[in-house]
């Protein structure tokens, strides 16, 4: 998406999601000259059903934004696994 990012992440037990996200954003900011907003919003997935729902939501985001006709047309689309 041109103005925001969605990601599905698995964080190892004992690791800090805020530190992982902050480190990743710092790297991307330096490498790609991105200016990120402060903070982020996270949502913990509690079931496989929820994971599929969130995955589909992310895949359809460019379609809802009318950037492409089909999710598969988005250059960063990933196929179902």
PDB file of N, CA and C in Angstrom:
ATOM      1  N   UNK A   1       0.844  -1.167   0.000  1.00  0.00           N
ATOM      2  CA  UNK A   1       0.000   0.000   0.000  1.00  0.00           C
ATOM      3  C   UNK A   1       0.892   1.234   0.000  1.00  0.00           C
ATOM      4  N   UNK A   2       0.486   2.262  -0.670  1.00  0.00           N
ATOM      5  CA  UNK A   2       1.334   3.449  -0.753  1.00  0.00           C
ATOM      6  C   UNK A   2       1.510   4.193   0.570  1.00  0.00           C
ATOM      7  N   UNK A   3       0.531   4.069   1.479  1.00  0.00           N
ATOM      8  CA  UNK A   3       0.607   4.890   2.688  1.00  0.00           C
ATOM      9  C   UNK A   3       0.648   4.100   3.994  1.00  0.00           C
ATOM     10  N   UNK A   4       0.647   2.787   3.925  1.00  0.00           N
ATOM     11  CA  UNK A   4       0.761   2.000   5.148  1.00  0.00           C
ATOM     12  C   UNK A   4       1.178   0.573   4.821  1.00  0.00           C
ATOM     13  N   UNK A   5       1.430  -0.190   5.863  1.00  0.00           N
ATOM     14  CA  UNK A   5       1.960  -1.542   5.720  1.00  0.00           C
ATOM     15  C   UNK A   5       1.205  -2.489   6.637  1.00  0.00           C
ATOM     16  N   UNK A   6       0.909  -3.675   6.130  1.00  0.00           N
ATOM     17  CA  UNK A   6       0.385  -4.758   6.947  1.00  0.00           C
ATOM     18  C   UNK A   6       1.411  -5.880   6.907  1.00  0.00           C
ATOM     19  N   UNK A   7       1.579  -6.559   8.008  1.00  0.00           N
ATOM     20  CA  UNK A   7       2.514  -7.685   8.050  1.00  0.00           C
ATOM     21  C   UNK A   7       1.992  -8.749   8.996  1.00  0.00           C
ATOM     22  N   UNK A   8       2.187  -9.995   8.624  1.00  0.00           N
ATOM     23  CA  UNK A   8       1.935 -11.115   9.527  1.00  0.00           C
ATOM     24  C   UNK A   8       3.300 -11.575  10.017  1.00  0.00           C
ATOM     25  N   UNK A   9       3.478 -11.581  11.317  1.00  0.00           N
ATOM     26  CA  UNK A   9       4.783 -11.904  11.884  1.00  0.00           C
ATOM     27  C   UNK A   9       4.632 -12.946  12.984  1.00  0.00           C
ATOM     28  N   UNK A  10       5.577 -13.845  13.038  1.00  0.00           N
ATOM     29  CA  UNK A  10       5.697 -14.757  14.171  1.00  0.00           C
ATOM     30  C   UNK A  10       6.900 -14.282  14.981  1.00  0.00           C
ATOM     31  N   UNK A  11       6.685 -14.034  16.243  1.00  0.00           N
ATOM     32  CA  UNK A  11       7.750 -13.529  17.107  1.00  0.00           C
ATOM     33  C   UNK A  11       8.167 -14.646  18.058  1.00  0.00           C
ATOM     34  N   UNK A  12       9.447 -14.966  18.061  1.00  0.00           N
ATOM     35  CA  UNK A  12       9.913 -16.030  18.955  1.00  0.00           C
ATOM     36  C   UNK A  12       9.586 -15.725  20.420  1.00  0.00           C
ATOM     37  N   UNK A  13       9.276 -16.766  21.158  1.00  0.00           N
ATOM     38  CA  UNK A  13       8.981 -16.612  22.576  1.00  0.00           C
ATOM     39  C   UNK A  13      10.131 -15.893  23.271  1.00  0.00           C
ATOM     40  N   UNK A  14       9.801 -14.913  24.066  1.00  0.00           N
ATOM     41  CA  UNK A  14      10.819 -14.165  24.790  1.00  0.00           C
ATOM     42  C   UNK A  14      11.324 -12.940  24.052  1.00  0.00           C
ATOM     43  N   UNK A  15      10.964 -12.790  22.784  1.00  0.00           N
ATOM     44  CA  UNK A  15      11.376 -11.622  22.012  1.00  0.00           C
ATOM     45  C   UNK A  15      10.325 -10.518  22.152  1.00  0.00           C
ATOM     46  N   UNK A  16      10.726  -9.289  21.936  1.00  0.00           N
ATOM     47  CA  UNK A  16       9.846  -8.136  22.078  1.00  0.00           C
ATOM     48  C   UNK A  16       9.377  -7.652  20.710  1.00  0.00           C
ATOM     49  N   UNK A  17       8.065  -7.718  20.468  1.00  0.00           N
ATOM     50  CA  UNK A  17       7.525  -7.222  19.203  1.00  0.00           C
ATOM     51  C   UNK A  17       7.859  -5.748  18.983  1.00  0.00           C
ATOM     52  N   UNK A  18       7.682  -4.867  19.976  1.00  0.00           N
ATOM     53  CA  UNK A  18       8.034  -3.453  19.742  1.00  0.00           C
ATOM     54  C   UNK A  18       9.495  -3.251  19.330  1.00  0.00           C
ATOM     55  N   UNK A  19      10.408  -4.009  19.918  1.00  0.00           N
ATOM     56  CA  UNK A  19      11.831  -3.874  19.551  1.00  0.00           C
ATOM     57  C   UNK A  19      12.053  -4.383  18.133  1.00  0.00           C
ATOM     58  N   UNK A  20      11.441  -5.504  17.770  1.00  0.00           N
ATOM     59  CA  UNK A  20      11.585  -6.048  16.415  1.00  0.00           C
ATOM     60  C   UNK A  20      11.050  -5.049  15.384  1.00  0.00           C
ATOM     61  N   UNK A  21       9.870  -4.509  15.632  1.00  0.00           N
ATOM     62  CA  UNK A  21       9.273  -3.547  14.690  1.00  0.00           C
ATOM     63  C   UNK A  21      10.121  -2.279  14.619  1.00  0.00           C
ATOM     64  N   UNK A  22      10.555  -1.754  15.751  1.00  0.00           N
ATOM     65  CA  UNK A  22      11.381  -0.542  15.760  1.00  0.00           C
ATOM     66  C   UNK A  22      12.677  -0.753  14.979  1.00  0.00           C
ATOM     67  N   UNK A  23      13.320  -1.905  15.172  1.00  0.00           N
ATOM     68  CA  UNK A  23      14.569  -2.211  14.466  1.00  0.00           C
ATOM     69  C   UNK A  23      14.325  -2.319  12.959  1.00  0.00           C
ATOM     70  N   UNK A  24      13.245  -3.008  12.573  1.00  0.00           N
ATOM     71  CA  UNK A  24      12.916  -3.160  11.157  1.00  0.00           C
ATOM     72  C   UNK A  24      12.609  -1.806  10.520  1.00  0.00           C
ATOM     73  N   UNK A  25      11.819  -0.979  11.215  1.00  0.00           N
ATOM     74  CA  UNK A  25      11.474   0.336  10.672  1.00  0.00           C
ATOM     75  C   UNK A  25      12.722   1.220  10.531  1.00  0.00           C
ATOM     76  N   UNK A  26      13.634   1.146  11.489  1.00  0.00           N
ATOM     77  CA  UNK A  26      14.868   1.928  11.417  1.00  0.00           C
ATOM     78  C   UNK A  26      15.694   1.503  10.209  1.00  0.00           C
ATOM     79  N   UNK A  27      15.790   0.197   9.983  1.00  0.00           N
ATOM     80  CA  UNK A  27      16.534  -0.307   8.828  1.00  0.00           C
ATOM     81  C   UNK A  27      15.899   0.186   7.524  1.00  0.00           C
ATOM     82  N   UNK A  28      14.583   0.037   7.396  1.00  0.00           N
ATOM     83  CA  UNK A  28      13.882   0.471   6.186  1.00  0.00           C
ATOM     84  C   UNK A  28      13.984   1.982   5.989  1.00  0.00           C
ATOM     85  N   UNK A  29      13.909   2.737   7.059  1.00  0.00           N
ATOM     86  CA  UNK A  29      14.018   4.196   6.971  1.00  0.00           C
ATOM     87  C   UNK A  29      15.365   4.592   6.384  1.00  0.00           C
ATOM     88  N   UNK A  30      16.411   3.938   6.851  1.00  0.00           N
ATOM     89  CA  UNK A  30      17.754   4.249   6.360  1.00  0.00           C
ATOM     90  C   UNK A  30      17.954   3.745   4.928  1.00  0.00           C
ATOM     91  N   UNK A  31      17.544   2.517   4.659  1.00  0.00           N
ATOM     92  CA  UNK A  31      17.780   1.897   3.351  1.00  0.00           C
ATOM     93  C   UNK A  31      16.934   2.519   2.246  1.00  0.00           C
ATOM     94  N   UNK A  32      15.694   2.910   2.576  1.00  0.00           N
ATOM     95  CA  UNK A  32      14.763   3.372   1.541  1.00  0.00           C
ATOM     96  C   UNK A  32      14.299   4.817   1.727  1.00  0.00           C
ATOM     97  N   UNK A  33      14.899   5.507   2.670  1.00  0.00           N
ATOM     98  CA  UNK A  33      14.519   6.907   2.967  1.00  0.00           C
ATOM     99  C   UNK A  33      13.022   7.042   3.265  1.00  0.00           C
ATOM    100  N   UNK A  34      12.518   6.123   4.077  1.00  0.00           N
ATOM    101  CA  UNK A  34      11.120   6.165   4.493  1.00  0.00           C
ATOM    102  C   UNK A  34      11.025   6.910   5.812  1.00  0.00           C
ATOM    103  N   UNK A  35      10.051   7.785   5.918  1.00  0.00           N
ATOM    104  CA  UNK A  35       9.796   8.441   7.198  1.00  0.00           C
ATOM    105  C   UNK A  35       8.531   7.825   7.790  1.00  0.00           C
ATOM    106  N   UNK A  36       8.708   7.015   8.813  1.00  0.00           N
ATOM    107  CA  UNK A  36       7.603   6.300   9.431  1.00  0.00           C
ATOM    108  C   UNK A  36       6.920   7.160  10.481  1.00  0.00           C
ATOM    109  N   UNK A  37       5.630   6.926  10.695  1.00  0.00           N
ATOM    110  CA  UNK A  37       4.968   7.542  11.834  1.00  0.00           C
ATOM    111  C   UNK A  37       5.439   6.824  13.091  1.00  0.00           C
ATOM    112  N   UNK A  38       5.287   7.452  14.227  1.00  0.00           N
ATOM    113  CA  UNK A  38       5.696   6.865  15.490  1.00  0.00           C
ATOM    114  C   UNK A  38       4.722   5.751  15.884  1.00  0.00           C
ATOM    115  N   UNK A  39       5.262   4.683  16.408  1.00  0.00           N
ATOM    116  CA  UNK A  39       4.437   3.608  16.920  1.00  0.00           C
ATOM    117  C   UNK A  39       3.882   2.694  15.846  1.00  0.00           C
ATOM    118  N   UNK A  40       3.024   1.770  16.271  1.00  0.00           N
ATOM    119  CA  UNK A  40       2.379   0.826  15.370  1.00  0.00           C
ATOM    120  C   UNK A  40       1.192   0.216  16.097  1.00  0.00           C
ATOM    121  N   UNK A  41       0.335  -0.456  15.369  1.00  0.00           N
ATOM    122  CA  UNK A  41      -0.815  -1.150  15.942  1.00  0.00           C
ATOM    123  C   UNK A  41      -0.617  -2.631  15.718  1.00  0.00           C
ATOM    124  N   UNK A  42      -0.802  -3.417  16.763  1.00  0.00           N
ATOM    125  CA  UNK A  42      -0.673  -4.866  16.592  1.00  0.00           C
ATOM    126  C   UNK A  42      -1.968  -5.551  17.019  1.00  0.00           C
ATOM    127  N   UNK A  43      -2.157  -6.732  16.467  1.00  0.00           N
ATOM    128  CA  UNK A  43      -3.315  -7.554  16.787  1.00  0.00           C
ATOM    129  C   UNK A  43      -2.845  -8.990  16.875  1.00  0.00           C
ATOM    130  N   UNK A  44      -3.028  -9.596  18.019  1.00  0.00           N
ATOM    131  CA  UNK A  44      -2.593 -10.980  18.216  1.00  0.00           C
ATOM    132  C   UNK A  44      -3.607 -11.940  17.602  1.00  0.00           C
ATOM    133  N   UNK A  45      -3.119 -12.840  16.773  1.00  0.00           N
ATOM    134  CA  UNK A  45      -3.984 -13.865  16.184  1.00  0.00           C
ATOM    135  C   UNK A  45      -4.131 -15.009  17.181  1.00  0.00           C
ATOM    136  N   UNK A  46      -5.368 -15.432  17.374  1.00  0.00           N
ATOM    137  CA  UNK A  46      -5.632 -16.438  18.391  1.00  0.00           C
ATOM    138  C   UNK A  46      -6.044 -17.800  17.835  1.00  0.00           C
ATOM    139  N   UNK A  47      -6.195 -17.903  16.511  1.00  0.00           N
ATOM    140  CA  UNK A  47      -6.592 -19.186  15.935  1.00  0.00           C
ATOM    141  C   UNK A  47      -6.227 -19.227  14.462  1.00  0.00           C
ATOM    142  N   UNK A  48      -6.217 -20.427  13.883  1.00  0.00           N
ATOM    143  CA  UNK A  48      -5.960 -20.556  12.445  1.00  0.00           C
ATOM    144  C   UNK A  48      -7.026 -19.823  11.649  1.00  0.00           C
ATOM    145  N   UNK A  49      -8.262 -19.862  12.131  1.00  0.00           N
ATOM    146  CA  UNK A  49      -9.361 -19.174  11.448  1.00  0.00           C
ATOM    147  C   UNK A  49      -9.084 -17.675  11.390  1.00  0.00           C
ATOM    148  N   UNK A  50      -8.614 -17.122  12.460  1.00  0.00           N
ATOM    149  CA  UNK A  50      -8.287 -15.711  12.517  1.00  0.00           C
ATOM    150  C   UNK A  50      -7.126 -15.386  11.582  1.00  0.00           C
ATOM    151  N   UNK A  51      -6.146 -16.284  11.505  1.00  0.00           N
ATOM    152  CA  UNK A  51      -5.000 -16.066  10.618  1.00  0.00           C
ATOM    153  C   UNK A  51      -5.455 -15.987   9.160  1.00  0.00           C
ATOM    154  N   UNK A  52      -6.322 -16.887   8.752  1.00  0.00           N
ATOM    155  CA  UNK A  52      -6.822 -16.877   7.375  1.00  0.00           C
ATOM    156  C   UNK A  52      -7.607 -15.600   7.100  1.00  0.00           C
ATOM    157  N   UNK A  53      -8.424 -15.186   8.058  1.00  0.00           N
ATOM    158  CA  UNK A  53      -9.206 -13.950   7.914  1.00  0.00           C
ATOM    159  C   UNK A  53      -8.297 -12.736   7.737  1.00  0.00           C
ATOM    160  N   UNK A  54      -7.270 -12.632   8.551  1.00  0.00           N
ATOM    161  CA  UNK A  54      -6.343 -11.486   8.469  1.00  0.00           C
ATOM    162  C   UNK A  54      -5.521 -11.549   7.184  1.00  0.00           C
ATOM    163  N   UNK A  55      -5.118 -12.743   6.778  1.00  0.00           N
ATOM    164  CA  UNK A  55      -4.375 -12.904   5.533  1.00  0.00           C
ATOM    165  C   UNK A  55      -5.210 -12.424   4.348  1.00  0.00           C
ATOM    166  N   UNK A  56      -6.460 -12.833   4.311  1.00  0.00           N
ATOM    167  CA  UNK A  56      -7.344 -12.393   3.231  1.00  0.00           C
ATOM    168  C   UNK A  56      -7.563 -10.887   3.263  1.00  0.00           C
ATOM    169  N   UNK A  57      -7.697 -10.327   4.447  1.00  0.00           N
ATOM    170  CA  UNK A  57      -7.860  -8.874   4.586  1.00  0.00           C
ATOM    171  C   UNK A  57      -6.661  -8.149   3.966  1.00  0.00           C
ATOM    172  N   UNK A  58      -5.464  -8.618   4.304  1.00  0.00           N
ATOM    173  CA  UNK A  58      -4.247  -7.990   3.777  1.00  0.00           C
ATOM    174  C   UNK A  58      -4.182  -8.135   2.258  1.00  0.00           C
ATOM    175  N   UNK A  59      -4.469  -9.331   1.761  1.00  0.00           N
ATOM    176  CA  UNK A  59      -4.420  -9.554   0.311  1.00  0.00           C
ATOM    177  C   UNK A  59      -5.398  -8.654  -0.446  1.00  0.00           C
ATOM    178  N   UNK A  60      -6.556  -8.381   0.149  1.00  0.00           N
ATOM    179  CA  UNK A  60      -7.596  -7.596  -0.528  1.00  0.00           C
ATOM    180  C   UNK A  60      -7.428  -6.088  -0.353  1.00  0.00           C
ATOM    181  N   UNK A  61      -6.522  -5.659   0.470  1.00  0.00           N
ATOM    182  CA  UNK A  61      -6.327  -4.228   0.723  1.00  0.00           C
ATOM    183  C   UNK A  61      -6.099  -3.415  -0.555  1.00  0.00           C
ATOM    184  N   UNK A  62      -5.233  -3.821  -1.477  1.00  0.00           N
ATOM    185  CA  UNK A  62      -5.036  -3.046  -2.703  1.00  0.00           C
ATOM    186  C   UNK A  62      -6.284  -3.011  -3.587  1.00  0.00           C
ATOM    187  N   UNK A  63      -7.101  -4.053  -3.514  1.00  0.00           N
ATOM    188  CA  UNK A  63      -8.356  -4.075  -4.283  1.00  0.00           C
ATOM    189  C   UNK A  63      -9.324  -3.057  -3.693  1.00  0.00           C
ATOM    190  N   UNK A  64      -9.474  -3.064  -2.369  1.00  0.00           N
ATOM    191  CA  UNK A  64     -10.363  -2.093  -1.711  1.00  0.00           C
ATOM    192  C   UNK A  64      -9.921  -0.665  -1.974  1.00  0.00           C
ATOM    193  N   UNK A  65      -8.613  -0.455  -2.086  1.00  0.00           N
ATOM    194  CA  UNK A  65      -8.078   0.890  -2.357  1.00  0.00           C
ATOM    195  C   UNK A  65      -8.140   1.236  -3.848  1.00  0.00           C
ATOM    196  N   UNK A  66      -8.650   0.304  -4.659  1.00  0.00           N
ATOM    197  CA  UNK A  66      -8.777   0.478  -6.109  1.00  0.00           C
ATOM    198  C   UNK A  66      -7.432   0.707  -6.809  1.00  0.00           C
ATOM    199  N   UNK A  67      -6.414   0.043  -6.284  1.00  0.00           N
ATOM    200  CA  UNK A  67      -5.093   0.109  -6.906  1.00  0.00           C
ATOM    201  C   UNK A  67      -4.928  -0.989  -7.953  1.00  0.00           C
ATOM    202  N   UNK A  68      -5.695  -2.068  -7.792  1.00  0.00           N
ATOM    203  CA  UNK A  68      -5.717  -3.184  -8.737  1.00  0.00           C
ATOM    204  C   UNK A  68      -7.131  -3.734  -8.793  1.00  0.00           C
ATOM    205  N   UNK A  69      -7.404  -4.523  -9.840  1.00  0.00           N
ATOM    206  CA  UNK A  69      -8.714  -5.157  -9.976  1.00  0.00           C
ATOM    207  C   UNK A  69      -8.776  -6.439  -9.145  1.00  0.00           C
ATOM    208  N   UNK A  70      -7.712  -7.250  -9.233  1.00  0.00           N
ATOM    209  CA  UNK A  70      -7.634  -8.518  -8.509  1.00  0.00           C
ATOM    210  C   UNK A  70      -6.425  -8.479  -7.577  1.00  0.00           C
ATOM    211  N   UNK A  71      -6.562  -9.127  -6.436  1.00  0.00           N
ATOM    212  CA  UNK A  71      -5.461  -9.153  -5.465  1.00  0.00           C
ATOM    213  C   UNK A  71      -4.171  -9.669  -6.103  1.00  0.00           C
ATOM    214  N   UNK A  72      -4.307 -10.641  -7.002  1.00  0.00           N
ATOM    215  CA  UNK A  72      -3.130 -11.245  -7.651  1.00  0.00           C
ATOM    216  C   UNK A  72      -2.380 -10.254  -8.535  1.00  0.00           C
ATOM    217  N   UNK A  73      -3.022  -9.142  -8.905  1.00  0.00           N
ATOM    218  CA  UNK A  73      -2.373  -8.132  -9.744  1.00  0.00           C
ATOM    219  C   UNK A  73      -1.425  -7.228  -8.953  1.00  0.00           C
ATOM    220  N   UNK A  74      -1.552  -7.234  -7.634  1.00  0.00           N
ATOM    221  CA  UNK A  74      -0.684  -6.418  -6.789  1.00  0.00           C
ATOM    222  C   UNK A  74       0.726  -6.989  -6.861  1.00  0.00           C
ATOM    223  N   UNK A  75       1.754  -6.172  -7.128  1.00  0.00           N
ATOM    224  CA  UNK A  75       3.109  -6.716  -7.316  1.00  0.00           C
ATOM    225  C   UNK A  75       3.688  -7.402  -6.075  1.00  0.00           C
ATOM    226  N   UNK A  76       3.127  -7.143  -4.913  1.00  0.00           N
ATOM    227  CA  UNK A  76       3.657  -7.741  -3.688  1.00  0.00           C
ATOM    228  C   UNK A  76       2.760  -8.858  -3.155  1.00  0.00           C
ATOM    229  N   UNK A  77       1.847  -9.334  -4.006  1.00  0.00           N
ATOM    230  CA  UNK A  77       0.938 -10.424  -3.629  1.00  0.00           C
ATOM    231  C   UNK A  77       1.727 -11.696  -3.371  1.00  0.00           C
ATOM    232  N   UNK A  78       1.329 -12.454  -2.371  1.00  0.00           N
ATOM    233  CA  UNK A  78       1.929 -13.755  -2.159  1.00  0.00           C
ATOM    234  C   UNK A  78       0.840 -14.821  -2.254  1.00  0.00           C
ATOM    235  N   UNK A  79       1.150 -15.943  -2.848  1.00  0.00           N
ATOM    236  CA  UNK A  79       0.133 -16.992  -3.048  1.00  0.00           C
ATOM    237  C   UNK A  79      -0.211 -17.688  -1.727  1.00  0.00           C
ATOM    238  N   UNK A  80      -1.346 -18.319  -1.737  1.00  0.00           N
ATOM    239  CA  UNK A  80      -1.736 -19.110  -0.556  1.00  0.00           C
ATOM    240  C   UNK A  80      -0.739 -20.243  -0.389  1.00  0.00           C
ATOM    241  N   UNK A  81      -0.414 -20.528   0.878  1.00  0.00           N
ATOM    242  CA  UNK A  81       0.572 -21.564   1.154  1.00  0.00           C
ATOM    243  C   UNK A  81      -0.004 -22.890   1.478  1.00  0.00           C
TER     244      UNK A  81
END
